[in-house]
């Protein structure tokens, strides 16, 4: 299993980013996928999830600003992040829970003016 995130960067408050997570090594189309993040000095926080049927779920802290989606033809999930806040600064990880839980290496999102 391999998960590779991309799309992070430095963005001003109020800005937007789209994160991607390319997956391989398992049956992506039938798998639930998730995003989590870790802010500096804090623990890991679940952010959003998407089931194989497209059903989505979000943490209260991001609902209305983050949108998770998937493209099964590309074995990729995305997370559109709008109205970024300084407290969204974190390393963002995608993960898949199958027989074990597999994590990508993360992509850094920094929100700063």
N, C-alpha and C. Protein backbone atom coordinates (compact mmCIF):
# COMPACT_ATOMS: atom_id res chain seq x y z
N UNK A 1 0.85 -1.19 0.00
CA UNK A 1 0.00 0.00 0.00
C UNK A 1 0.89 1.24 0.00
N UNK A 2 0.54 2.15 -0.87
CA UNK A 2 1.27 3.41 -0.91
C UNK A 2 0.28 4.57 -1.02
N UNK A 3 0.50 5.59 -0.20
CA UNK A 3 -0.32 6.79 -0.22
C UNK A 3 0.61 7.98 -0.32
N UNK A 4 0.37 8.84 -1.30
CA UNK A 4 1.25 9.98 -1.53
C UNK A 4 0.42 11.25 -1.59
N UNK A 5 0.62 12.12 -0.60
CA UNK A 5 -0.10 13.39 -0.56
C UNK A 5 0.67 14.47 -1.31
N UNK A 6 -0.07 15.44 -1.80
CA UNK A 6 0.53 16.60 -2.45
C UNK A 6 -0.44 17.77 -2.35
N UNK A 7 0.04 18.95 -2.69
CA UNK A 7 -0.83 20.11 -2.76
C UNK A 7 -0.71 21.09 -1.62
N UNK A 8 0.08 20.76 -0.62
CA UNK A 8 0.25 21.69 0.49
C UNK A 8 1.08 22.89 0.10
N UNK A 9 1.17 23.85 1.03
CA UNK A 9 1.97 25.03 0.76
C UNK A 9 1.69 26.13 1.74
N UNK A 10 2.21 27.29 1.43
CA UNK A 10 2.02 28.48 2.24
C UNK A 10 0.90 29.31 1.62
N UNK A 11 -0.09 29.65 2.41
CA UNK A 11 -1.24 30.39 1.90
C UNK A 11 -1.67 31.42 2.93
N UNK A 12 -2.20 32.53 2.46
CA UNK A 12 -2.66 33.57 3.36
C UNK A 12 -4.01 33.20 3.98
N UNK A 13 -4.31 33.73 5.14
CA UNK A 13 -5.64 33.50 5.73
C UNK A 13 -6.73 33.89 4.74
N UNK A 14 -7.74 33.05 4.67
CA UNK A 14 -8.82 33.26 3.72
C UNK A 14 -8.60 32.61 2.38
N UNK A 15 -7.41 32.11 2.16
CA UNK A 15 -7.09 31.48 0.89
C UNK A 15 -7.59 30.06 0.78
N UNK A 16 -7.23 29.41 -0.33
CA UNK A 16 -7.68 28.05 -0.61
C UNK A 16 -6.53 27.16 -1.08
N UNK A 17 -6.71 25.89 -0.87
CA UNK A 17 -5.78 24.89 -1.38
C UNK A 17 -6.57 23.64 -1.74
N UNK A 18 -6.00 22.83 -2.62
CA UNK A 18 -6.57 21.51 -2.87
C UNK A 18 -5.49 20.47 -2.65
N UNK A 19 -5.72 19.63 -1.68
CA UNK A 19 -4.80 18.54 -1.39
C UNK A 19 -5.21 17.30 -2.17
N UNK A 20 -4.21 16.52 -2.56
CA UNK A 20 -4.45 15.26 -3.26
C UNK A 20 -3.76 14.13 -2.52
N UNK A 21 -4.30 12.94 -2.68
CA UNK A 21 -3.69 11.74 -2.12
C UNK A 21 -3.84 10.63 -3.15
N UNK A 22 -2.73 10.25 -3.75
CA UNK A 22 -2.73 9.17 -4.74
C UNK A 22 -2.47 7.85 -4.05
N UNK A 23 -3.32 6.88 -4.30
CA UNK A 23 -3.25 5.59 -3.62
C UNK A 23 -2.92 4.46 -4.58
N UNK A 24 -2.26 3.45 -4.05
CA UNK A 24 -1.97 2.25 -4.83
C UNK A 24 -1.77 1.07 -3.89
N UNK A 25 -1.91 -0.12 -4.44
CA UNK A 25 -1.63 -1.32 -3.67
C UNK A 25 -2.81 -1.97 -2.98
N UNK A 26 -4.01 -1.42 -3.22
CA UNK A 26 -5.22 -2.02 -2.65
C UNK A 26 -6.40 -1.63 -3.55
N UNK A 27 -7.56 -2.21 -3.26
CA UNK A 27 -8.74 -1.95 -4.09
C UNK A 27 -9.34 -0.62 -3.67
N UNK A 28 -8.88 0.42 -4.30
CA UNK A 28 -9.23 1.78 -3.89
C UNK A 28 -10.73 2.03 -3.98
N UNK A 29 -11.35 1.60 -5.07
CA UNK A 29 -12.74 1.97 -5.33
C UNK A 29 -13.70 1.45 -4.26
N UNK A 30 -13.32 0.40 -3.56
CA UNK A 30 -14.21 -0.17 -2.54
C UNK A 30 -13.76 0.18 -1.12
N UNK A 31 -12.87 1.14 -1.02
CA UNK A 31 -12.27 1.47 0.28
C UNK A 31 -12.64 2.86 0.76
N UNK A 32 -12.91 2.94 2.06
CA UNK A 32 -13.08 4.25 2.68
C UNK A 32 -11.70 4.88 2.87
N UNK A 33 -11.65 6.18 2.71
CA UNK A 33 -10.40 6.93 2.84
C UNK A 33 -10.63 8.12 3.76
N UNK A 34 -9.57 8.56 4.39
CA UNK A 34 -9.71 9.65 5.35
C UNK A 34 -8.54 10.61 5.28
N UNK A 35 -8.79 11.80 5.82
CA UNK A 35 -7.74 12.80 6.04
C UNK A 35 -7.65 13.08 7.54
N UNK A 36 -6.44 13.27 8.00
CA UNK A 36 -6.19 13.70 9.37
C UNK A 36 -5.11 14.77 9.32
N UNK A 37 -4.95 15.50 10.42
CA UNK A 37 -3.91 16.52 10.44
C UNK A 37 -3.27 16.60 11.82
N UNK A 38 -2.07 17.11 11.83
CA UNK A 38 -1.37 17.33 13.09
C UNK A 38 -0.78 18.72 13.08
N UNK A 39 -1.32 19.55 13.95
CA UNK A 39 -0.82 20.92 14.09
C UNK A 39 0.44 20.92 14.97
N UNK A 40 1.26 21.94 14.85
CA UNK A 40 2.49 22.00 15.65
C UNK A 40 2.20 21.86 17.14
N UNK A 41 2.87 20.92 17.78
CA UNK A 41 2.73 20.74 19.21
C UNK A 41 1.44 20.08 19.67
N UNK A 42 0.64 19.60 18.71
CA UNK A 42 -0.65 19.00 19.06
C UNK A 42 -0.73 17.57 18.56
N UNK A 43 -1.75 16.88 18.99
CA UNK A 43 -1.95 15.50 18.58
C UNK A 43 -2.62 15.41 17.22
N UNK A 44 -2.78 14.19 16.77
CA UNK A 44 -3.40 13.93 15.49
C UNK A 44 -4.91 14.17 15.59
N UNK A 45 -5.45 14.85 14.59
CA UNK A 45 -6.88 15.17 14.57
C UNK A 45 -7.50 14.63 13.29
N UNK A 46 -8.56 13.81 13.41
CA UNK A 46 -9.29 13.37 12.23
C UNK A 46 -10.01 14.57 11.63
N UNK A 47 -9.98 14.66 10.30
CA UNK A 47 -10.56 15.82 9.62
C UNK A 47 -11.78 15.45 8.78
N UNK A 48 -11.63 14.44 7.94
CA UNK A 48 -12.75 14.08 7.07
C UNK A 48 -12.57 12.66 6.55
N UNK A 49 -13.67 12.09 6.08
CA UNK A 49 -13.64 10.76 5.53
C UNK A 49 -14.62 10.62 4.39
N UNK A 50 -14.34 9.70 3.49
CA UNK A 50 -15.24 9.44 2.38
C UNK A 50 -15.34 7.93 2.17
N UNK A 51 -16.57 7.43 2.12
CA UNK A 51 -16.81 6.02 1.90
C UNK A 51 -16.78 5.70 0.42
N UNK A 52 -16.81 4.41 0.13
CA UNK A 52 -16.75 3.97 -1.26
C UNK A 52 -17.96 4.45 -2.05
N UNK A 53 -19.08 4.66 -1.38
CA UNK A 53 -20.28 5.13 -2.09
C UNK A 53 -20.33 6.65 -2.21
N UNK A 54 -19.27 7.32 -1.74
CA UNK A 54 -19.21 8.77 -1.84
C UNK A 54 -19.73 9.52 -0.63
N UNK A 55 -20.28 8.83 0.34
CA UNK A 55 -20.73 9.48 1.57
C UNK A 55 -19.54 10.12 2.27
N UNK A 56 -19.76 11.35 2.73
CA UNK A 56 -18.66 12.09 3.36
C UNK A 56 -18.99 12.47 4.80
N UNK A 57 -17.96 12.65 5.57
CA UNK A 57 -18.09 13.08 6.96
C UNK A 57 -16.97 14.06 7.27
N UNK A 58 -17.26 14.99 8.19
CA UNK A 58 -16.30 16.04 8.51
C UNK A 58 -16.25 16.30 10.00
N UNK A 59 -15.08 16.71 10.46
CA UNK A 59 -14.97 17.22 11.82
C UNK A 59 -15.72 18.55 11.91
N UNK A 60 -16.25 18.82 13.07
CA UNK A 60 -17.00 20.06 13.26
C UNK A 60 -16.14 21.28 12.93
N UNK A 61 -14.87 21.19 13.24
CA UNK A 61 -13.97 22.33 13.07
C UNK A 61 -13.75 22.72 11.61
N UNK A 62 -14.06 21.81 10.68
CA UNK A 62 -13.80 22.10 9.27
C UNK A 62 -15.05 22.06 8.41
N UNK A 63 -16.16 21.64 8.99
CA UNK A 63 -17.38 21.48 8.20
C UNK A 63 -17.78 22.82 7.59
N UNK A 64 -18.10 22.78 6.31
CA UNK A 64 -18.47 23.99 5.59
C UNK A 64 -17.31 24.66 4.88
N UNK A 65 -16.09 24.32 5.27
CA UNK A 65 -14.91 24.90 4.62
C UNK A 65 -14.10 23.87 3.85
N UNK A 66 -14.14 22.61 4.29
CA UNK A 66 -13.39 21.53 3.66
C UNK A 66 -14.36 20.64 2.88
N UNK A 67 -13.91 20.18 1.73
CA UNK A 67 -14.71 19.24 0.93
C UNK A 67 -13.83 18.10 0.47
N UNK A 68 -14.19 16.90 0.89
CA UNK A 68 -13.45 15.72 0.47
C UNK A 68 -14.16 15.11 -0.74
N UNK A 69 -13.38 14.58 -1.67
CA UNK A 69 -13.95 13.93 -2.86
C UNK A 69 -12.99 12.83 -3.31
N UNK A 70 -13.46 12.03 -4.23
CA UNK A 70 -12.62 10.94 -4.73
C UNK A 70 -12.83 10.77 -6.22
N UNK A 71 -11.77 10.29 -6.88
CA UNK A 71 -11.82 9.93 -8.29
C UNK A 71 -11.31 8.50 -8.38
N UNK A 72 -12.23 7.56 -8.50
CA UNK A 72 -11.84 6.15 -8.50
C UNK A 72 -11.05 5.78 -9.76
N UNK A 73 -11.24 6.50 -10.84
CA UNK A 73 -10.48 6.23 -12.07
C UNK A 73 -9.01 6.58 -11.89
N UNK A 74 -8.74 7.51 -10.98
CA UNK A 74 -7.35 7.92 -10.73
C UNK A 74 -6.82 7.42 -9.40
N UNK A 75 -7.61 6.64 -8.68
CA UNK A 75 -7.20 6.15 -7.36
C UNK A 75 -6.70 7.29 -6.49
N UNK A 76 -7.47 8.35 -6.46
CA UNK A 76 -7.04 9.56 -5.76
C UNK A 76 -8.20 10.16 -4.98
N UNK A 77 -7.90 10.65 -3.79
CA UNK A 77 -8.85 11.48 -3.06
C UNK A 77 -8.31 12.90 -3.01
N UNK A 78 -9.23 13.80 -2.80
CA UNK A 78 -8.90 15.21 -2.76
C UNK A 78 -9.52 15.84 -1.52
N UNK A 79 -8.97 16.96 -1.12
CA UNK A 79 -9.63 17.77 -0.12
C UNK A 79 -9.46 19.23 -0.51
N UNK A 80 -10.57 19.83 -0.87
CA UNK A 80 -10.61 21.25 -1.16
C UNK A 80 -10.76 21.99 0.15
N UNK A 81 -9.84 22.91 0.42
CA UNK A 81 -9.84 23.65 1.67
C UNK A 81 -10.03 25.12 1.34
N UNK A 82 -11.11 25.68 1.81
CA UNK A 82 -11.41 27.08 1.57
C UNK A 82 -11.41 27.87 2.88
N UNK A 83 -11.37 29.18 2.76
CA UNK A 83 -11.42 30.07 3.93
C UNK A 83 -10.42 29.63 5.01
N UNK A 84 -9.20 29.43 4.59
CA UNK A 84 -8.18 28.91 5.50
C UNK A 84 -7.94 29.85 6.66
N UNK A 85 -7.74 29.25 7.84
CA UNK A 85 -7.47 29.98 9.07
C UNK A 85 -6.08 29.61 9.57
N UNK A 86 -5.51 30.47 10.38
CA UNK A 86 -4.17 30.17 10.92
C UNK A 86 -4.17 28.84 11.66
N UNK A 87 -5.27 28.54 12.32
CA UNK A 87 -5.33 27.29 13.09
C UNK A 87 -5.45 26.05 12.20
N UNK A 88 -5.55 26.23 10.88
CA UNK A 88 -5.51 25.09 9.96
C UNK A 88 -4.09 24.68 9.63
N UNK A 89 -3.11 25.46 10.10
CA UNK A 89 -1.71 25.11 9.87
C UNK A 89 -1.42 23.75 10.49
N UNK A 90 -0.93 22.83 9.67
CA UNK A 90 -0.71 21.46 10.13
C UNK A 90 -0.09 20.65 9.00
N UNK A 91 0.38 19.47 9.36
CA UNK A 91 0.72 18.47 8.35
C UNK A 91 -0.55 17.64 8.13
N UNK A 92 -0.94 17.52 6.88
CA UNK A 92 -2.15 16.80 6.53
C UNK A 92 -1.77 15.43 5.96
N UNK A 93 -2.43 14.41 6.50
CA UNK A 93 -2.16 13.03 6.10
C UNK A 93 -3.43 12.40 5.55
N UNK A 94 -3.27 11.57 4.54
CA UNK A 94 -4.39 10.70 4.17
C UNK A 94 -4.07 9.31 4.72
N UNK A 95 -5.11 8.54 4.98
CA UNK A 95 -4.89 7.19 5.48
C UNK A 95 -6.01 6.27 5.04
N UNK A 96 -5.69 5.00 5.07
CA UNK A 96 -6.60 3.93 4.67
C UNK A 96 -6.54 2.85 5.74
N UNK A 97 -7.68 2.42 6.20
CA UNK A 97 -7.74 1.35 7.20
C UNK A 97 -8.24 0.08 6.54
N UNK A 98 -7.32 -0.84 6.30
CA UNK A 98 -7.71 -2.14 5.78
C UNK A 98 -7.37 -3.18 6.82
N UNK A 99 -6.55 -4.13 6.46
CA UNK A 99 -6.08 -5.10 7.43
C UNK A 99 -5.25 -4.38 8.50
N UNK A 100 -4.52 -3.39 8.08
CA UNK A 100 -3.81 -2.45 8.96
C UNK A 100 -4.20 -1.05 8.54
N UNK A 101 -3.70 -0.08 9.27
CA UNK A 101 -3.91 1.31 8.87
C UNK A 101 -2.65 1.82 8.21
N UNK A 102 -2.83 2.38 7.02
CA UNK A 102 -1.71 2.85 6.22
C UNK A 102 -1.79 4.37 6.09
N UNK A 103 -0.65 5.01 6.23
CA UNK A 103 -0.57 6.46 6.21
C UNK A 103 0.37 6.95 5.11
N UNK A 104 0.04 8.09 4.55
CA UNK A 104 0.99 8.76 3.70
C UNK A 104 2.01 9.51 4.55
N UNK A 105 2.96 10.15 3.90
CA UNK A 105 4.01 10.86 4.61
C UNK A 105 3.61 12.29 4.97
N UNK A 106 2.48 12.74 4.42
CA UNK A 106 1.94 14.05 4.79
C UNK A 106 2.35 15.17 3.86
N UNK A 107 1.54 16.22 3.89
CA UNK A 107 1.86 17.44 3.15
C UNK A 107 1.61 18.62 4.08
N UNK A 108 2.55 19.55 4.11
CA UNK A 108 2.49 20.67 5.04
C UNK A 108 1.59 21.78 4.50
N UNK A 109 0.68 22.23 5.33
CA UNK A 109 -0.14 23.41 5.02
C UNK A 109 0.18 24.48 6.07
N UNK A 110 0.62 25.63 5.60
CA UNK A 110 0.94 26.73 6.50
C UNK A 110 0.09 27.93 6.12
N UNK A 111 -0.67 28.42 7.08
CA UNK A 111 -1.54 29.57 6.85
C UNK A 111 -0.95 30.76 7.59
N UNK A 112 -0.48 31.72 6.85
CA UNK A 112 0.20 32.86 7.45
C UNK A 112 0.19 34.04 6.49
N UNK A 113 0.14 35.22 7.07
CA UNK A 113 0.21 36.42 6.24
C UNK A 113 1.65 36.94 6.20
